[in-house]
Structure formats: structure tokens, C-alpha cells
All heavy atoms as atom14 arrays in JSON, in Angstrom:
{
  "sequence": "SEVIKSHSVDIVHARSRAPAWSALAAARQNNCHFVTTFHGTYSHG",
  "atom14_mask": [
    [1, 1, 1, 1, 1, 1, 0, 0, 0, 0, 0, 0, 0, 0],
    [1, 1, 1, 1, 1, 1, 1, 1, 1, 0, 0, 0, 0, 0],
    [1, 1, 1, 1, 1, 1, 1, 0, 0, 0, 0, 0, 0, 0],
    [1, 1, 1, 1, 1, 1, 1, 1, 0, 0, 0, 0, 0, 0],
    [1, 1, 1, 1, 1, 1, 1, 1, 1, 0, 0, 0, 0, 0],
    [1, 1, 1, 1, 1, 1, 0, 0, 0, 0, 0, 0, 0, 0],
    [1, 1, 1, 1, 1, 1, 1, 1, 1, 1, 0, 0, 0, 0],
    [1, 1, 1, 1, 1, 1, 0, 0, 0, 0, 0, 0, 0, 0],
    [1, 1, 1, 1, 1, 1, 1, 0, 0, 0, 0, 0, 0, 0],
    [1, 1, 1, 1, 1, 1, 1, 1, 0, 0, 0, 0, 0, 0],
    [1, 1, 1, 1, 1, 1, 1, 1, 0, 0, 0, 0, 0, 0],
    [1, 1, 1, 1, 1, 1, 1, 0, 0, 0, 0, 0, 0, 0],
    [1, 1, 1, 1, 1, 1, 1, 1, 1, 1, 0, 0, 0, 0],
    [1, 1, 1, 1, 1, 0, 0, 0, 0, 0, 0, 0, 0, 0],
    [1, 1, 1, 1, 1, 1, 1, 1, 1, 1, 1, 0, 0, 0],
    [1, 1, 1, 1, 1, 1, 0, 0, 0, 0, 0, 0, 0, 0],
    [1, 1, 1, 1, 1, 1, 1, 1, 1, 1, 1, 0, 0, 0],
    [1, 1, 1, 1, 1, 0, 0, 0, 0, 0, 0, 0, 0, 0],
    [1, 1, 1, 1, 1, 1, 1, 0, 0, 0, 0, 0, 0, 0],
    [1, 1, 1, 1, 1, 0, 0, 0, 0, 0, 0, 0, 0, 0],
    [1, 1, 1, 1, 1, 1, 1, 1, 1, 1, 1, 1, 1, 1],
    [1, 1, 1, 1, 1, 1, 0, 0, 0, 0, 0, 0, 0, 0],
    [1, 1, 1, 1, 1, 0, 0, 0, 0, 0, 0, 0, 0, 0],
    [1, 1, 1, 1, 1, 1, 1, 1, 0, 0, 0, 0, 0, 0],
    [1, 1, 1, 1, 1, 0, 0, 0, 0, 0, 0, 0, 0, 0],
    [1, 1, 1, 1, 1, 0, 0, 0, 0, 0, 0, 0, 0, 0],
    [1, 1, 1, 1, 1, 0, 0, 0, 0, 0, 0, 0, 0, 0],
    [1, 1, 1, 1, 1, 1, 1, 1, 1, 1, 1, 0, 0, 0],
    [1, 1, 1, 1, 1, 1, 1, 1, 1, 0, 0, 0, 0, 0],
    [1, 1, 1, 1, 1, 1, 1, 1, 0, 0, 0, 0, 0, 0],
    [1, 1, 1, 1, 1, 1, 1, 1, 0, 0, 0, 0, 0, 0],
    [1, 1, 1, 1, 1, 1, 0, 0, 0, 0, 0, 0, 0, 0],
    [1, 1, 1, 1, 1, 1, 1, 1, 1, 1, 0, 0, 0, 0],
    [1, 1, 1, 1, 1, 1, 1, 1, 1, 1, 1, 0, 0, 0],
    [1, 1, 1, 1, 1, 1, 1, 0, 0, 0, 0, 0, 0, 0],
    [1, 1, 1, 1, 1, 1, 1, 0, 0, 0, 0, 0, 0, 0],
    [1, 1, 1, 1, 1, 1, 1, 0, 0, 0, 0, 0, 0, 0],
    [1, 1, 1, 1, 1, 1, 1, 1, 1, 1, 1, 0, 0, 0],
    [1, 1, 1, 1, 1, 1, 1, 1, 1, 1, 0, 0, 0, 0],
    [1, 1, 1, 1, 0, 0, 0, 0, 0, 0, 0, 0, 0, 0],
    [1, 1, 1, 1, 1, 1, 1, 0, 0, 0, 0, 0, 0, 0],
    [1, 1, 1, 1, 1, 1, 1, 1, 1, 1, 1, 1, 0, 0],
    [1, 1, 1, 1, 1, 1, 0, 0, 0, 0, 0, 0, 0, 0],
    [1, 1, 1, 1, 1, 1, 1, 1, 1, 1, 0, 0, 0, 0],
    [1, 1, 1, 1, 0, 0, 0, 0, 0, 0, 0, 0, 0, 0]
  ],
  "atom14_positions": [
    [[-4.8, 2.35, 2.45], [-3.7, 2.91, 2.91], [-2.79, 1.76, 3.46], [-1.56, 1.83, 3.14], [-4.0, 3.9, 4.09], [-2.82, 4.56, 4.59], [0.0, 0.0, 0.0], [0.0, 0.0, 0.0], [0.0, 0.0, 0.0], [0.0, 0.0, 0.0], [0.0, 0.0, 0.0], [0.0, 0.0, 0.0], [0.0, 0.0, 0.0], [0.0, 0.0, 0.0]],
    [[-3.34, 0.75, 4.09], [-2.58, -0.37, 4.6], [-1.95, -1.11, 3.4], [-0.82, -1.56, 3.46], [-3.5, -1.17, 5.4], [-2.86, -2.44, 6.04], [-1.68, -2.05, 6.87], [-1.67, -0.99, 7.56], [-0.61, -2.76, 6.99], [0.0, 0.0, 0.0], [0.0, 0.0, 0.0], [0.0, 0.0, 0.0], [0.0, 0.0, 0.0], [0.0, 0.0, 0.0]],
    [[-2.73, -1.23, 2.36], [-2.06, -1.82, 1.26], [-0.9, -1.17, 0.57], [0.16, -1.68, 0.36], [-3.2, -2.07, 0.13], [-2.57, -2.62, -1.26], [-4.31, -3.11, 0.45], [0.0, 0.0, 0.0], [0.0, 0.0, 0.0], [0.0, 0.0, 0.0], [0.0, 0.0, 0.0], [0.0, 0.0, 0.0], [0.0, 0.0, 0.0], [0.0, 0.0, 0.0]],
    [[-1.05, 0.17, 0.5], [-0.07, 1.01, -0.03], [1.19, 0.89, 0.85], [2.4, 0.69, 0.4], [-0.46, 2.45, -0.19], [-1.59, 2.64, -1.2], [0.61, 3.35, -0.41], [-2.27, 3.82, -1.2], [0.0, 0.0, 0.0], [0.0, 0.0, 0.0], [0.0, 0.0, 0.0], [0.0, 0.0, 0.0], [0.0, 0.0, 0.0], [0.0, 0.0, 0.0]],
    [[0.99, 0.91, 2.13], [2.3, 0.86, 3.1], [2.82, -0.43, 3.05], [4.03, -0.65, 2.85], [1.74, 1.13, 4.63], [1.28, 2.53, 4.87], [0.76, 2.78, 6.22], [0.4, 4.07, 6.51], [-0.23, 4.13, 8.01], [0.0, 0.0, 0.0], [0.0, 0.0, 0.0], [0.0, 0.0, 0.0], [0.0, 0.0, 0.0], [0.0, 0.0, 0.0]],
    [[2.03, -1.63, 3.19], [2.64, -2.9, 3.24], [3.34, -3.36, 1.98], [4.26, -4.14, 2.0], [1.54, -3.89, 3.66], [0.59, -3.91, 2.78], [0.0, 0.0, 0.0], [0.0, 0.0, 0.0], [0.0, 0.0, 0.0], [0.0, 0.0, 0.0], [0.0, 0.0, 0.0], [0.0, 0.0, 0.0], [0.0, 0.0, 0.0], [0.0, 0.0, 0.0]],
    [[2.85, -2.85, 0.79], [3.39, -3.36, -0.45], [4.25, -2.21, -1.04], [4.77, -2.29, -2.25], [2.37, -3.64, -1.47], [1.49, -4.94, -0.98], [1.94, -6.14, -1.14], [0.37, -5.03, -0.31], [1.04, -7.04, -0.71], [0.08, -6.4, -0.2], [0.0, 0.0, 0.0], [0.0, 0.0, 0.0], [0.0, 0.0, 0.0], [0.0, 0.0, 0.0]],
    [[4.57, -1.09, -0.28], [5.48, -0.09, -0.88], [4.96, 0.37, -2.23], [5.83, 0.45, -3.24], [7.0, -0.6, -0.95], [7.36, -0.81, 0.36], [0.0, 0.0, 0.0], [0.0, 0.0, 0.0], [0.0, 0.0, 0.0], [0.0, 0.0, 0.0], [0.0, 0.0, 0.0], [0.0, 0.0, 0.0], [0.0, 0.0, 0.0], [0.0, 0.0, 0.0]],
    [[3.73, 0.78, -2.44], [3.22, 1.22, -3.72], [3.73, 2.52, -4.1], [3.77, 3.33, -3.36], [1.5, 1.08, -3.61], [0.95, 1.86, -4.91], [1.02, -0.25, -3.39], [0.0, 0.0, 0.0], [0.0, 0.0, 0.0], [0.0, 0.0, 0.0], [0.0, 0.0, 0.0], [0.0, 0.0, 0.0], [0.0, 0.0, 0.0], [0.0, 0.0, 0.0]],
    [[3.96, 2.59, -5.42], [4.44, 3.89, -5.95], [3.44, 4.72, -6.65], [3.48, 5.86, -6.57], [5.67, 3.6, -7.01], [6.82, 2.96, -6.36], [7.57, 3.64, -5.57], [6.96, 1.77, -6.47], [0.0, 0.0, 0.0], [0.0, 0.0, 0.0], [0.0, 0.0, 0.0], [0.0, 0.0, 0.0], [0.0, 0.0, 0.0], [0.0, 0.0, 0.0]],
    [[2.5, 4.06, -7.41], [1.51, 4.71, -7.96], [0.2, 3.92, -7.88], [0.09, 2.71, -7.97], [1.83, 4.64, -9.55], [3.03, 5.52, -9.93], [0.54, 5.16, -10.44], [3.39, 5.47, -11.46], [0.0, 0.0, 0.0], [0.0, 0.0, 0.0], [0.0, 0.0, 0.0], [0.0, 0.0, 0.0], [0.0, 0.0, 0.0], [0.0, 0.0, 0.0]],
    [[-0.86, 4.69, -7.53], [-2.21, 4.24, -7.38], [-2.98, 4.64, -8.65], [-3.05, 5.91, -8.92], [-2.92, 4.74, -6.08], [-4.32, 4.1, -6.05], [-2.22, 4.27, -4.98], [0.0, 0.0, 0.0], [0.0, 0.0, 0.0], [0.0, 0.0, 0.0], [0.0, 0.0, 0.0], [0.0, 0.0, 0.0], [0.0, 0.0, 0.0], [0.0, 0.0, 0.0]],
    [[-3.69, 3.79, -9.36], [-4.23, 4.09, -10.55], [-5.85, 3.72, -10.51], [-6.2, 2.52, -10.31], [-3.7, 3.39, -11.86], [-4.35, 3.7, -13.18], [-3.63, 3.35, -14.36], [-5.35, 4.34, -13.55], [-4.31, 3.8, -15.35], [-5.39, 4.43, -14.85], [0.0, 0.0, 0.0], [0.0, 0.0, 0.0], [0.0, 0.0, 0.0], [0.0, 0.0, 0.0]],
    [[-6.68, 4.65, -10.31], [-8.09, 4.47, -10.08], [-8.85, 4.58, -11.33], [-8.59, 5.43, -12.29], [-8.62, 5.63, -9.21], [0.0, 0.0, 0.0], [0.0, 0.0, 0.0], [0.0, 0.0, 0.0], [0.0, 0.0, 0.0], [0.0, 0.0, 0.0], [0.0, 0.0, 0.0], [0.0, 0.0, 0.0], [0.0, 0.0, 0.0], [0.0, 0.0, 0.0]],
    [[-9.78, 3.54, -11.6], [-10.41, 3.3, -12.84], [-11.99, 3.6, -12.7], [-12.76, 3.37, -13.67], [-10.11, 1.89, -13.45], [-8.64, 1.88, -13.89], [-8.42, 0.64, -14.61], [-7.04, 0.56, -15.13], [-6.64, 1.03, -16.29], [-7.42, 1.74, -16.93], [-5.4, 0.84, -16.52], [0.0, 0.0, 0.0], [0.0, 0.0, 0.0], [0.0, 0.0, 0.0]],
    [[-12.41, 4.01, -11.44], [-13.89, 4.15, -11.27], [-13.98, 5.21, -10.21], [-13.19, 5.31, -9.34], [-14.52, 3.03, -10.89], [-15.89, 3.02, -10.81], [0.0, 0.0, 0.0], [0.0, 0.0, 0.0], [0.0, 0.0, 0.0], [0.0, 0.0, 0.0], [0.0, 0.0, 0.0], [0.0, 0.0, 0.0], [0.0, 0.0, 0.0], [0.0, 0.0, 0.0]],
    [[-15.12, 5.97, -10.11], [-15.34, 7.08, -9.17], [-15.25, 6.61, -7.67], [-14.62, 7.25, -6.92], [-16.48, 7.73, -9.65], [-16.32, 8.54, -10.91], [-17.86, 9.1, -11.51], [-18.6, 7.8, -11.83], [-19.9, 7.99, -12.21], [-20.46, 9.23, -12.22], [-20.67, 6.88, -12.63], [0.0, 0.0, 0.0], [0.0, 0.0, 0.0], [0.0, 0.0, 0.0]],
    [[-16.11, 5.66, -7.37], [-16.27, 5.43, -5.95], [-14.84, 4.97, -5.33], [-14.44, 5.51, -4.29], [-17.32, 4.44, -5.66], [0.0, 0.0, 0.0], [0.0, 0.0, 0.0], [0.0, 0.0, 0.0], [0.0, 0.0, 0.0], [0.0, 0.0, 0.0], [0.0, 0.0, 0.0], [0.0, 0.0, 0.0], [0.0, 0.0, 0.0], [0.0, 0.0, 0.0]],
    [[-14.15, 3.93, -6.02], [-12.94, 3.67, -5.55], [-11.88, 4.79, -5.46], [-10.91, 4.88, -4.58], [-12.32, 2.45, -6.37], [-13.63, 2.03, -7.0], [-14.54, 3.12, -7.15], [0.0, 0.0, 0.0], [0.0, 0.0, 0.0], [0.0, 0.0, 0.0], [0.0, 0.0, 0.0], [0.0, 0.0, 0.0], [0.0, 0.0, 0.0], [0.0, 0.0, 0.0]],
    [[-12.05, 5.64, -6.49], [-11.16, 6.79, -6.61], [-11.14, 7.71, -5.33], [-10.13, 8.3, -4.92], [-11.34, 7.51, -7.78], [0.0, 0.0, 0.0], [0.0, 0.0, 0.0], [0.0, 0.0, 0.0], [0.0, 0.0, 0.0], [0.0, 0.0, 0.0], [0.0, 0.0, 0.0], [0.0, 0.0, 0.0], [0.0, 0.0, 0.0], [0.0, 0.0, 0.0]],
    [[-12.34, 7.88, -4.93], [-12.43, 8.81, -3.6], [-11.63, 8.14, -2.49], [-10.98, 8.87, -1.85], [-13.93, 8.85, -3.25], [-14.59, 9.97, -3.97], [-15.53, 9.65, -5.04], [-14.65, 11.27, -3.93], [-15.99, 10.81, -5.52], [-15.48, 11.84, -4.91], [-14.0, 12.2, -2.98], [-15.67, 13.3, -4.97], [-14.07, 13.58, -3.18], [-15.05, 14.12, -4.13]],
    [[-11.68, 6.93, -2.34], [-10.79, 6.16, -1.21], [-9.38, 6.31, -1.6], [-8.49, 6.52, -0.82], [-11.29, 4.75, -1.01], [-12.58, 4.73, -0.83], [0.0, 0.0, 0.0], [0.0, 0.0, 0.0], [0.0, 0.0, 0.0], [0.0, 0.0, 0.0], [0.0, 0.0, 0.0], [0.0, 0.0, 0.0], [0.0, 0.0, 0.0], [0.0, 0.0, 0.0]],
    [[-9.05, 5.94, -2.94], [-7.71, 5.88, -3.34], [-6.9, 7.16, -3.26], [-5.78, 7.17, -2.96], [-7.68, 5.24, -4.87], [0.0, 0.0, 0.0], [0.0, 0.0, 0.0], [0.0, 0.0, 0.0], [0.0, 0.0, 0.0], [0.0, 0.0, 0.0], [0.0, 0.0, 0.0], [0.0, 0.0, 0.0], [0.0, 0.0, 0.0], [0.0, 0.0, 0.0]],
    [[-7.61, 8.22, -3.6], [-6.84, 9.57, -3.53], [-6.51, 9.87, -2.18], [-5.38, 10.18, -1.97], [-7.77, 10.67, -4.1], [-7.25, 12.09, -3.96], [-6.01, 12.23, -4.69], [-8.35, 13.09, -4.27], [0.0, 0.0, 0.0], [0.0, 0.0, 0.0], [0.0, 0.0, 0.0], [0.0, 0.0, 0.0], [0.0, 0.0, 0.0], [0.0, 0.0, 0.0]],
    [[-7.42, 9.71, -1.15], [-7.09, 10.04, 0.28], [-5.85, 8.98, 0.73], [-4.92, 9.53, 1.35], [-8.21, 9.78, 1.16], [0.0, 0.0, 0.0], [0.0, 0.0, 0.0], [0.0, 0.0, 0.0], [0.0, 0.0, 0.0], [0.0, 0.0, 0.0], [0.0, 0.0, 0.0], [0.0, 0.0, 0.0], [0.0, 0.0, 0.0], [0.0, 0.0, 0.0]],
    [[-5.91, 7.8, 0.29], [-4.89, 6.83, 0.72], [-3.63, 7.11, 0.12], [-2.48, 7.1, 0.71], [-5.37, 5.45, 0.41], [0.0, 0.0, 0.0], [0.0, 0.0, 0.0], [0.0, 0.0, 0.0], [0.0, 0.0, 0.0], [0.0, 0.0, 0.0], [0.0, 0.0, 0.0], [0.0, 0.0, 0.0], [0.0, 0.0, 0.0], [0.0, 0.0, 0.0]],
    [[-3.57, 7.57, -1.15], [-2.3, 7.79, -1.83], [-1.63, 9.11, -1.33], [-0.52, 9.18, -1.15], [-2.66, 8.1, -3.31], [0.0, 0.0, 0.0], [0.0, 0.0, 0.0], [0.0, 0.0, 0.0], [0.0, 0.0, 0.0], [0.0, 0.0, 0.0], [0.0, 0.0, 0.0], [0.0, 0.0, 0.0], [0.0, 0.0, 0.0], [0.0, 0.0, 0.0]],
    [[-2.54, 10.09, -0.95], [-1.99, 11.34, -0.32], [-1.4, 11.07, 1.09], [-0.41, 11.68, 1.44], [-3.06, 12.47, -0.33], [-3.57, 12.83, -1.69], [-2.4, 13.58, -2.54], [-2.84, 14.01, -3.79], [-2.6, 13.47, -5.02], [-1.75, 12.46, -5.01], [-3.04, 13.98, -6.13], [0.0, 0.0, 0.0], [0.0, 0.0, 0.0], [0.0, 0.0, 0.0]],
    [[-2.09, 10.2, 1.77], [-1.6, 9.93, 3.18], [-0.14, 9.27, 3.06], [0.63, 9.47, 3.96], [-2.57, 8.97, 3.82], [-3.9, 9.65, 4.37], [-4.78, 8.63, 4.91], [-4.48, 7.46, 5.17], [-5.98, 9.09, 5.3], [0.0, 0.0, 0.0], [0.0, 0.0, 0.0], [0.0, 0.0, 0.0], [0.0, 0.0, 0.0], [0.0, 0.0, 0.0]],
    [[0.04, 8.62, 1.97], [1.28, 7.87, 1.92], [2.2, 8.36, 0.77], [3.3, 7.8, 0.56], [0.99, 6.32, 1.39], [0.31, 5.59, 2.6], [0.93, 5.22, 3.55], [-1.09, 5.54, 2.6], [0.0, 0.0, 0.0], [0.0, 0.0, 0.0], [0.0, 0.0, 0.0], [0.0, 0.0, 0.0], [0.0, 0.0, 0.0], [0.0, 0.0, 0.0]],
    [[1.98, 9.62, 0.38], [2.91, 10.37, -0.44], [3.23, 9.49, -1.76], [4.43, 9.42, -2.2], [4.17, 10.75, 0.26], [4.96, 11.72, -0.48], [4.38, 12.46, -1.23], [6.24, 11.75, -0.37], [0.0, 0.0, 0.0], [0.0, 0.0, 0.0], [0.0, 0.0, 0.0], [0.0, 0.0, 0.0], [0.0, 0.0, 0.0], [0.0, 0.0, 0.0]],
    [[2.19, 8.85, -2.43], [2.58, 8.17, -3.56], [1.7, 8.8, -4.89], [0.7, 9.59, -4.55], [2.3, 6.75, -3.65], [0.65, 6.26, -3.23], [0.0, 0.0, 0.0], [0.0, 0.0, 0.0], [0.0, 0.0, 0.0], [0.0, 0.0, 0.0], [0.0, 0.0, 0.0], [0.0, 0.0, 0.0], [0.0, 0.0, 0.0], [0.0, 0.0, 0.0]],
    [[2.08, 8.59, -5.97], [1.42, 9.09, -7.1], [-0.06, 8.73, -7.32], [-0.37, 7.51, -7.07], [2.23, 8.83, -8.36], [3.67, 9.44, -8.24], [3.9, 10.77, -8.28], [4.84, 8.85, -8.26], [5.18, 10.91, -8.29], [5.83, 9.86, -8.25], [0.0, 0.0, 0.0], [0.0, 0.0, 0.0], [0.0, 0.0, 0.0], [0.0, 0.0, 0.0]],
    [[-0.86, 9.54, -8.05], [-2.21, 9.03, -8.18], [-2.57, 9.41, -9.69], [-2.43, 10.49, -10.08], [-3.2, 9.9, -7.19], [-4.66, 9.59, -7.35], [-5.11, 8.32, -7.13], [-5.61, 10.48, -7.68], [-6.46, 8.04, -7.09], [-6.84, 10.37, -7.79], [-7.28, 8.98, -7.41], [0.0, 0.0, 0.0], [0.0, 0.0, 0.0], [0.0, 0.0, 0.0]],
    [[-3.06, 8.32, -10.31], [-3.5, 8.39, -11.65], [-5.09, 7.98, -11.8], [-5.42, 7.06, -11.15], [-2.62, 7.55, -12.56], [-3.12, 7.44, -14.05], [-1.26, 7.84, -12.45], [0.0, 0.0, 0.0], [0.0, 0.0, 0.0], [0.0, 0.0, 0.0], [0.0, 0.0, 0.0], [0.0, 0.0, 0.0], [0.0, 0.0, 0.0], [0.0, 0.0, 0.0]],
    [[-5.75, 8.59, -12.68], [-7.24, 8.34, -12.95], [-7.39, 8.05, -14.34], [-6.55, 8.39, -15.2], [-8.19, 9.28, -12.45], [-7.93, 10.57, -13.19], [-8.08, 9.64, -11.01], [0.0, 0.0, 0.0], [0.0, 0.0, 0.0], [0.0, 0.0, 0.0], [0.0, 0.0, 0.0], [0.0, 0.0, 0.0], [0.0, 0.0, 0.0], [0.0, 0.0, 0.0]],
    [[-8.33, 7.18, -14.84], [-8.8, 6.95, -16.16], [-10.2, 7.26, -16.3], [-11.04, 6.6, -15.54], [-8.35, 5.54, -16.65], [-7.0, 5.53, -16.73], [-9.01, 5.4, -18.04], [0.0, 0.0, 0.0], [0.0, 0.0, 0.0], [0.0, 0.0, 0.0], [0.0, 0.0, 0.0], [0.0, 0.0, 0.0], [0.0, 0.0, 0.0], [0.0, 0.0, 0.0]],
    [[-10.6, 8.19, -17.19], [-11.94, 8.3, -17.69], [-12.23, 7.15, -18.71], [-11.81, 7.29, -19.78], [-12.29, 9.65, -18.29], [-12.59, 10.69, -17.38], [-11.68, 11.31, -16.49], [-13.93, 11.2, -17.31], [-12.09, 12.34, -15.58], [-14.31, 12.32, -16.44], [-13.41, 12.77, -15.53], [0.0, 0.0, 0.0], [0.0, 0.0, 0.0], [0.0, 0.0, 0.0]],
    [[-13.0, 6.18, -18.16], [-13.43, 5.14, -19.19], [-14.83, 5.55, -19.86], [-15.31, 4.68, -20.76], [-13.56, 3.81, -18.42], [-12.24, 3.12, -18.13], [-11.56, 2.46, -19.0], [-11.6, 3.23, -16.86], [-10.48, 2.04, -18.38], [-10.42, 2.57, -17.25], [0.0, 0.0, 0.0], [0.0, 0.0, 0.0], [0.0, 0.0, 0.0], [0.0, 0.0, 0.0]],
    [[-15.32, 6.64, -19.55], [-16.62, 6.94, -20.12], [-16.95, 8.46, -19.79], [-16.21, 9.22, -19.19], [0.0, 0.0, 0.0], [0.0, 0.0, 0.0], [0.0, 0.0, 0.0], [0.0, 0.0, 0.0], [0.0, 0.0, 0.0], [0.0, 0.0, 0.0], [0.0, 0.0, 0.0], [0.0, 0.0, 0.0], [0.0, 0.0, 0.0], [0.0, 0.0, 0.0]],
    [[-18.13, 8.94, -20.47], [-18.59, 10.35, -20.22], [-19.55, 10.26, -19.07], [-20.7, 10.05, -19.41], [-19.0, 10.97, -21.51], [-20.02, 10.09, -22.06], [-17.75, 11.08, -22.45], [0.0, 0.0, 0.0], [0.0, 0.0, 0.0], [0.0, 0.0, 0.0], [0.0, 0.0, 0.0], [0.0, 0.0, 0.0], [0.0, 0.0, 0.0], [0.0, 0.0, 0.0]],
    [[-19.21, 10.52, -17.91], [-20.16, 10.46, -16.76], [-21.3, 11.57, -16.95], [-20.95, 12.72, -17.41], [-19.45, 10.45, -15.48], [-18.26, 9.61, -15.3], [-16.9, 10.27, -15.16], [-18.37, 8.22, -15.34], [-15.94, 9.31, -15.0], [-17.3, 7.45, -15.25], [-16.03, 7.91, -15.09], [-14.83, 7.17, -15.0], [0.0, 0.0, 0.0], [0.0, 0.0, 0.0]],
    [[-22.41, 11.19, -16.59], [-23.53, 12.12, -16.58], [-23.25, 13.26, -15.59], [-22.65, 12.89, -14.53], [-24.89, 11.47, -16.14], [-24.82, 10.95, -14.83], [0.0, 0.0, 0.0], [0.0, 0.0, 0.0], [0.0, 0.0, 0.0], [0.0, 0.0, 0.0], [0.0, 0.0, 0.0], [0.0, 0.0, 0.0], [0.0, 0.0, 0.0], [0.0, 0.0, 0.0]],
    [[-23.54, 14.46, -16.01], [-23.16, 15.68, -15.14], [-24.18, 16.81, -15.11], [-23.98, 17.83, -14.97], [-21.83, 16.33, -15.75], [-22.04, 16.66, -17.34], [-21.91, 15.69, -18.2], [-22.39, 17.64, -17.79], [-22.15, 16.18, -19.48], [-22.43, 17.46, -19.08], [0.0, 0.0, 0.0], [0.0, 0.0, 0.0], [0.0, 0.0, 0.0], [0.0, 0.0, 0.0]],
    [[-25.54, 16.25, -15.06], [-26.69, 17.24, -15.19], [-26.88, 18.02, -13.93], [-27.72, 18.98, -14.02], [0.0, 0.0, 0.0], [0.0, 0.0, 0.0], [0.0, 0.0, 0.0], [0.0, 0.0, 0.0], [0.0, 0.0, 0.0], [0.0, 0.0, 0.0], [0.0, 0.0, 0.0], [0.0, 0.0, 0.0], [0.0, 0.0, 0.0], [0.0, 0.0, 0.0]]
  ]
}
């Protein structure tokens, strides 16, 4: 959230699950866009 504020970030693009959990909350707090990429088929059993 501090990075987003200090650098006036417009889009946060998360490429992995653990960082994505933090990134989504930070993006929503700062009203900026959020993008994700599935780089694989995660196990879902």
C-alpha cells in the first residue's frame, strides 16, 4: 500500500498467489486496478 501511494501506481499485476493476497488488499485500499496471471494450473484437490 505504501508503494502504491508513494509511486502513484495505476495497475497492480500479481503473478503468484501469496503476493496476490497482499496485492489485492493494497490495490483496493488505494482504488487502483488489479490484474492477475495464471502461469500454471494450480492443484485444487
